[in-house]
């Protein structure tokens, strides 16, 4: 399991804003910010494996998740405004109360009934 634990968001924010994690294996990632300021803005996660990741209540504004594997991910209450989810796998992902305003959902894979 990968765990990113940030005690002081302001100290680390410049290093993660616009970060590139394209194609990385981040299965079971738990994104934790002690002050509750969970933000990934303009980050490239295209093609990343985020299966089972806990990104609940995280700001993922304008994040590139094209082709990412988010199978079973917890995105409850996440802000995905303007995110690129084109071709992303969201099977079994928890999107309850998530903001998808302006998100690109073209060819996104969702749970089939």
N, C-alpha and C. Protein backbone atom coordinates (compact mmCIF):
# COMPACT_ATOMS: atom_id res chain seq x y z
N UNK A 1 0.84 -1.17 0.00
CA UNK A 1 0.00 0.00 0.00
C UNK A 1 0.89 1.24 0.00
N UNK A 2 0.50 2.21 -0.81
CA UNK A 2 1.21 3.49 -0.84
C UNK A 2 0.42 4.47 0.00
N UNK A 3 1.08 5.16 0.90
CA UNK A 3 0.39 6.16 1.71
C UNK A 3 1.16 7.47 1.66
N UNK A 4 0.47 8.51 1.24
CA UNK A 4 1.06 9.84 1.22
C UNK A 4 0.45 10.59 2.39
N UNK A 5 1.27 10.93 3.36
CA UNK A 5 0.78 11.57 4.57
C UNK A 5 1.43 12.95 4.67
N UNK A 6 0.63 13.98 4.54
CA UNK A 6 1.16 15.33 4.54
C UNK A 6 0.71 16.05 5.80
N UNK A 7 1.67 16.42 6.64
CA UNK A 7 1.36 17.14 7.87
C UNK A 7 1.12 18.62 7.61
N UNK A 8 1.83 19.19 6.67
CA UNK A 8 1.70 20.61 6.39
C UNK A 8 1.51 20.81 4.90
N UNK A 9 0.23 20.91 4.48
CA UNK A 9 -0.09 21.00 3.06
C UNK A 9 0.63 22.17 2.38
N UNK A 10 0.67 23.32 3.01
CA UNK A 10 1.28 24.50 2.40
C UNK A 10 2.74 24.26 2.04
N UNK A 11 3.43 23.48 2.84
CA UNK A 11 4.84 23.19 2.58
C UNK A 11 5.02 22.33 1.34
N UNK A 12 4.10 21.39 1.12
CA UNK A 12 4.24 20.43 0.04
C UNK A 12 3.44 20.76 -1.21
N UNK A 13 2.44 21.63 -1.10
CA UNK A 13 1.56 21.92 -2.23
C UNK A 13 2.30 22.29 -3.51
N UNK A 14 3.32 23.14 -3.45
CA UNK A 14 4.02 23.49 -4.69
C UNK A 14 4.68 22.29 -5.36
N UNK A 15 5.03 21.27 -4.59
CA UNK A 15 5.68 20.09 -5.14
C UNK A 15 4.69 19.12 -5.78
N UNK A 16 3.41 19.18 -5.42
CA UNK A 16 2.42 18.25 -5.96
C UNK A 16 1.50 18.89 -6.98
N UNK A 17 1.35 20.20 -6.96
CA UNK A 17 0.50 20.87 -7.95
C UNK A 17 1.16 20.67 -9.31
N UNK A 18 0.42 20.08 -10.21
CA UNK A 18 0.94 19.83 -11.54
C UNK A 18 1.88 18.64 -11.63
N UNK A 19 1.94 17.82 -10.58
CA UNK A 19 2.83 16.65 -10.57
C UNK A 19 2.42 15.65 -11.65
N UNK A 20 3.36 14.84 -12.08
CA UNK A 20 3.11 13.86 -13.12
C UNK A 20 3.32 12.45 -12.57
N UNK A 21 2.19 11.71 -12.44
CA UNK A 21 2.21 10.31 -12.01
C UNK A 21 1.67 9.41 -13.11
N UNK A 22 1.78 9.84 -14.35
CA UNK A 22 1.22 9.09 -15.48
C UNK A 22 1.78 7.67 -15.50
N UNK A 23 0.87 6.69 -15.61
CA UNK A 23 1.25 5.29 -15.73
C UNK A 23 1.76 4.64 -14.46
N UNK A 24 1.75 5.34 -13.35
CA UNK A 24 2.28 4.78 -12.09
C UNK A 24 1.31 3.77 -11.49
N UNK A 25 1.84 2.81 -10.75
CA UNK A 25 1.03 1.83 -10.03
C UNK A 25 0.81 2.36 -8.62
N UNK A 26 -0.38 2.89 -8.39
CA UNK A 26 -0.73 3.49 -7.10
C UNK A 26 -1.90 2.76 -6.46
N UNK A 27 -1.97 1.44 -6.69
CA UNK A 27 -3.06 0.65 -6.11
C UNK A 27 -3.11 0.84 -4.61
N UNK A 28 -4.33 0.95 -4.09
CA UNK A 28 -4.60 1.06 -2.66
C UNK A 28 -4.00 2.33 -2.04
N UNK A 29 -3.76 3.34 -2.86
CA UNK A 29 -3.27 4.62 -2.35
C UNK A 29 -4.26 5.21 -1.34
N UNK A 30 -3.74 5.73 -0.24
CA UNK A 30 -4.56 6.47 0.73
C UNK A 30 -3.98 7.87 0.78
N UNK A 31 -4.75 8.85 0.29
CA UNK A 31 -4.29 10.24 0.25
C UNK A 31 -4.78 10.91 1.52
N UNK A 32 -3.86 11.24 2.42
CA UNK A 32 -4.21 11.79 3.72
C UNK A 32 -3.52 13.12 3.92
N UNK A 33 -4.28 14.12 4.29
CA UNK A 33 -3.70 15.39 4.70
C UNK A 33 -4.23 15.65 6.10
N UNK A 34 -3.35 15.79 7.06
CA UNK A 34 -3.75 15.92 8.45
C UNK A 34 -4.71 17.08 8.67
N UNK A 35 -4.50 18.19 7.95
CA UNK A 35 -5.36 19.35 8.14
C UNK A 35 -6.64 19.27 7.33
N UNK A 36 -6.89 18.15 6.65
CA UNK A 36 -8.12 17.97 5.87
C UNK A 36 -8.09 18.67 4.54
N UNK A 37 -6.95 19.18 4.13
CA UNK A 37 -6.81 19.92 2.90
C UNK A 37 -6.30 19.00 1.80
N UNK A 38 -7.11 18.02 1.42
CA UNK A 38 -6.70 17.01 0.44
C UNK A 38 -6.84 17.56 -0.97
N UNK A 39 -5.73 17.94 -1.59
CA UNK A 39 -5.80 18.54 -2.92
C UNK A 39 -4.76 17.97 -3.85
N UNK A 40 -5.23 17.63 -5.06
CA UNK A 40 -4.36 17.31 -6.18
C UNK A 40 -4.94 18.12 -7.33
N UNK A 41 -4.30 19.20 -7.69
CA UNK A 41 -4.82 20.09 -8.73
C UNK A 41 -3.88 20.06 -9.93
N UNK A 42 -4.47 19.89 -11.13
CA UNK A 42 -3.70 19.84 -12.38
C UNK A 42 -2.63 18.74 -12.37
N UNK A 43 -2.91 17.65 -11.68
CA UNK A 43 -1.97 16.53 -11.61
C UNK A 43 -2.25 15.56 -12.76
N UNK A 44 -1.20 15.00 -13.34
CA UNK A 44 -1.34 14.03 -14.41
C UNK A 44 -1.29 12.61 -13.84
N UNK A 45 -2.45 11.95 -13.83
CA UNK A 45 -2.56 10.57 -13.38
C UNK A 45 -3.05 9.68 -14.53
N UNK A 46 -2.83 10.13 -15.76
CA UNK A 46 -3.31 9.37 -16.91
C UNK A 46 -2.66 7.98 -16.94
N UNK A 47 -3.51 6.97 -17.15
CA UNK A 47 -3.02 5.60 -17.22
C UNK A 47 -2.54 5.02 -15.90
N UNK A 48 -2.67 5.76 -14.82
CA UNK A 48 -2.22 5.27 -13.50
C UNK A 48 -3.15 4.18 -12.99
N UNK A 49 -2.60 3.25 -12.22
CA UNK A 49 -3.40 2.21 -11.60
C UNK A 49 -3.74 2.66 -10.18
N UNK A 50 -4.99 3.10 -9.99
CA UNK A 50 -5.47 3.58 -8.70
C UNK A 50 -6.55 2.65 -8.15
N UNK A 51 -6.47 1.37 -8.51
CA UNK A 51 -7.46 0.40 -8.05
C UNK A 51 -7.49 0.37 -6.52
N UNK A 52 -8.70 0.56 -5.96
CA UNK A 52 -8.89 0.51 -4.52
C UNK A 52 -8.37 1.73 -3.77
N UNK A 53 -7.95 2.76 -4.48
CA UNK A 53 -7.42 3.96 -3.83
C UNK A 53 -8.50 4.68 -3.02
N UNK A 54 -8.11 5.28 -1.91
CA UNK A 54 -9.03 6.09 -1.11
C UNK A 54 -8.72 7.55 -1.37
N UNK A 55 -9.56 8.17 -2.20
CA UNK A 55 -9.42 9.59 -2.54
C UNK A 55 -10.67 10.34 -2.10
N UNK A 56 -11.33 9.84 -1.08
CA UNK A 56 -12.57 10.49 -0.61
C UNK A 56 -12.27 11.90 -0.14
N UNK A 57 -13.19 12.80 -0.44
CA UNK A 57 -13.12 14.21 -0.05
C UNK A 57 -11.88 14.92 -0.60
N UNK A 58 -11.28 14.40 -1.66
CA UNK A 58 -10.09 15.00 -2.25
C UNK A 58 -10.46 15.93 -3.40
N UNK A 59 -9.81 17.06 -3.49
CA UNK A 59 -9.95 17.96 -4.63
C UNK A 59 -9.09 17.40 -5.74
N UNK A 60 -9.73 16.98 -6.83
CA UNK A 60 -9.04 16.46 -8.00
C UNK A 60 -9.38 17.35 -9.20
N UNK A 61 -9.38 18.65 -8.95
CA UNK A 61 -9.80 19.62 -9.95
C UNK A 61 -8.82 19.66 -11.12
N UNK A 62 -9.38 19.51 -12.33
CA UNK A 62 -8.61 19.54 -13.57
C UNK A 62 -7.52 18.47 -13.63
N UNK A 63 -7.72 17.37 -12.91
CA UNK A 63 -6.76 16.26 -12.92
C UNK A 63 -6.97 15.42 -14.18
N UNK A 64 -5.88 14.96 -14.76
CA UNK A 64 -5.95 14.10 -15.93
C UNK A 64 -5.92 12.64 -15.48
N UNK A 65 -7.09 11.99 -15.58
CA UNK A 65 -7.22 10.58 -15.22
C UNK A 65 -7.57 9.74 -16.45
N UNK A 66 -7.20 10.23 -17.62
CA UNK A 66 -7.52 9.52 -18.86
C UNK A 66 -6.92 8.12 -18.84
N UNK A 67 -7.80 7.12 -19.05
CA UNK A 67 -7.36 5.73 -19.10
C UNK A 67 -6.90 5.16 -17.77
N UNK A 68 -7.13 5.88 -16.68
CA UNK A 68 -6.71 5.41 -15.35
C UNK A 68 -7.62 4.28 -14.87
N UNK A 69 -7.07 3.39 -14.06
CA UNK A 69 -7.84 2.31 -13.45
C UNK A 69 -8.23 2.76 -12.04
N UNK A 70 -9.51 3.09 -11.87
CA UNK A 70 -10.05 3.51 -10.58
C UNK A 70 -11.06 2.48 -10.06
N UNK A 71 -10.88 1.23 -10.49
CA UNK A 71 -11.79 0.16 -10.09
C UNK A 71 -11.83 0.04 -8.57
N UNK A 72 -13.04 0.15 -8.00
CA UNK A 72 -13.21 0.01 -6.56
C UNK A 72 -12.66 1.17 -5.74
N UNK A 73 -12.29 2.27 -6.39
CA UNK A 73 -11.74 3.42 -5.67
C UNK A 73 -12.83 4.14 -4.87
N UNK A 74 -12.44 4.73 -3.76
CA UNK A 74 -13.37 5.53 -2.95
C UNK A 74 -13.19 6.99 -3.32
N UNK A 75 -14.15 7.53 -4.08
CA UNK A 75 -14.14 8.92 -4.51
C UNK A 75 -15.31 9.68 -3.88
N UNK A 76 -15.80 9.16 -2.76
CA UNK A 76 -16.96 9.77 -2.10
C UNK A 76 -16.65 11.22 -1.75
N UNK A 77 -17.50 12.13 -2.24
CA UNK A 77 -17.36 13.55 -1.93
C UNK A 77 -16.18 14.23 -2.61
N UNK A 78 -15.54 13.55 -3.55
CA UNK A 78 -14.39 14.13 -4.25
C UNK A 78 -14.85 15.22 -5.21
N UNK A 79 -14.02 16.24 -5.39
CA UNK A 79 -14.29 17.29 -6.36
C UNK A 79 -13.51 16.96 -7.62
N UNK A 80 -14.22 16.45 -8.63
CA UNK A 80 -13.62 16.08 -9.90
C UNK A 80 -13.97 17.10 -10.99
N UNK A 81 -14.22 18.33 -10.57
CA UNK A 81 -14.61 19.39 -11.51
C UNK A 81 -13.53 19.56 -12.58
N UNK A 82 -13.96 19.45 -13.84
CA UNK A 82 -13.05 19.64 -14.96
C UNK A 82 -12.05 18.51 -15.17
N UNK A 83 -12.20 17.41 -14.44
CA UNK A 83 -11.27 16.28 -14.56
C UNK A 83 -11.46 15.57 -15.90
N UNK A 84 -10.39 15.02 -16.43
CA UNK A 84 -10.46 14.22 -17.64
C UNK A 84 -10.51 12.75 -17.24
N UNK A 85 -11.70 12.16 -17.36
CA UNK A 85 -11.90 10.75 -17.02
C UNK A 85 -12.13 9.90 -18.27
N UNK A 86 -11.72 10.41 -19.42
CA UNK A 86 -11.93 9.72 -20.68
C UNK A 86 -11.31 8.32 -20.62
N UNK A 87 -12.17 7.30 -20.84
CA UNK A 87 -11.70 5.92 -20.87
C UNK A 87 -11.28 5.35 -19.52
N UNK A 88 -11.52 6.08 -18.44
CA UNK A 88 -11.15 5.59 -17.11
C UNK A 88 -12.07 4.44 -16.68
N UNK A 89 -11.54 3.51 -15.91
CA UNK A 89 -12.32 2.38 -15.39
C UNK A 89 -12.79 2.74 -13.98
N UNK A 90 -14.11 2.96 -13.86
CA UNK A 90 -14.71 3.32 -12.57
C UNK A 90 -15.63 2.21 -12.06
N UNK A 91 -15.42 0.98 -12.49
CA UNK A 91 -16.27 -0.12 -12.03
C UNK A 91 -16.14 -0.26 -10.52
N UNK A 92 -17.28 -0.23 -9.84
CA UNK A 92 -17.30 -0.41 -8.39
C UNK A 92 -16.78 0.78 -7.61
N UNK A 93 -16.47 1.88 -8.28
CA UNK A 93 -15.98 3.08 -7.57
C UNK A 93 -17.14 3.76 -6.84
N UNK A 94 -16.86 4.32 -5.67
CA UNK A 94 -17.86 5.06 -4.91
C UNK A 94 -17.77 6.52 -5.32
N UNK A 95 -18.80 7.00 -6.04
CA UNK A 95 -18.86 8.38 -6.51
C UNK A 95 -19.93 9.18 -5.78
N UNK A 96 -20.43 8.65 -4.67
CA UNK A 96 -21.50 9.30 -3.92
C UNK A 96 -21.07 10.72 -3.52
N UNK A 97 -21.91 11.69 -3.84
CA UNK A 97 -21.70 13.10 -3.51
C UNK A 97 -20.47 13.72 -4.20
N UNK A 98 -19.94 13.06 -5.23
CA UNK A 98 -18.80 13.62 -5.96
C UNK A 98 -19.28 14.69 -6.93
N UNK A 99 -18.45 15.69 -7.15
CA UNK A 99 -18.74 16.76 -8.10
C UNK A 99 -18.06 16.42 -9.42
N UNK A 100 -18.86 16.16 -10.45
CA UNK A 100 -18.34 15.82 -11.77
C UNK A 100 -18.63 16.93 -12.78
N UNK A 101 -18.90 18.13 -12.30
CA UNK A 101 -19.23 19.25 -13.18
C UNK A 101 -18.08 19.52 -14.15
N UNK A 102 -18.41 19.49 -15.43
CA UNK A 102 -17.41 19.79 -16.46
C UNK A 102 -16.40 18.69 -16.69
N UNK A 103 -16.59 17.53 -16.06
CA UNK A 103 -15.65 16.41 -16.24
C UNK A 103 -15.89 15.74 -17.59
N UNK A 104 -14.83 15.27 -18.21
CA UNK A 104 -14.92 14.53 -19.46
C UNK A 104 -15.15 13.06 -19.12
N UNK A 105 -16.36 12.56 -19.42
CA UNK A 105 -16.72 11.18 -19.10
C UNK A 105 -16.81 10.30 -20.35
N UNK A 106 -16.23 10.77 -21.46
CA UNK A 106 -16.28 10.04 -22.71
C UNK A 106 -15.62 8.67 -22.56
N UNK A 107 -16.37 7.64 -22.96
CA UNK A 107 -15.90 6.25 -22.92
C UNK A 107 -15.48 5.78 -21.51
N UNK A 108 -15.97 6.45 -20.48
CA UNK A 108 -15.69 6.01 -19.12
C UNK A 108 -16.39 4.69 -18.86
N UNK A 109 -15.71 3.77 -18.20
CA UNK A 109 -16.26 2.45 -17.92
C UNK A 109 -16.88 2.49 -16.54
N UNK A 110 -18.21 2.28 -16.50
CA UNK A 110 -18.95 2.26 -15.24
C UNK A 110 -19.52 0.87 -15.01
N UNK A 111 -19.99 0.61 -13.82
CA UNK A 111 -20.58 -0.67 -13.46
C UNK A 111 -21.73 -0.98 -14.42
N UNK A 112 -21.74 -2.16 -15.00
CA UNK A 112 -22.84 -2.54 -15.87
C UNK A 112 -23.81 -3.42 -15.10
N UNK A 113 -25.10 -3.21 -15.34
CA UNK A 113 -26.15 -4.00 -14.65
C UNK A 113 -26.72 -5.03 -15.55
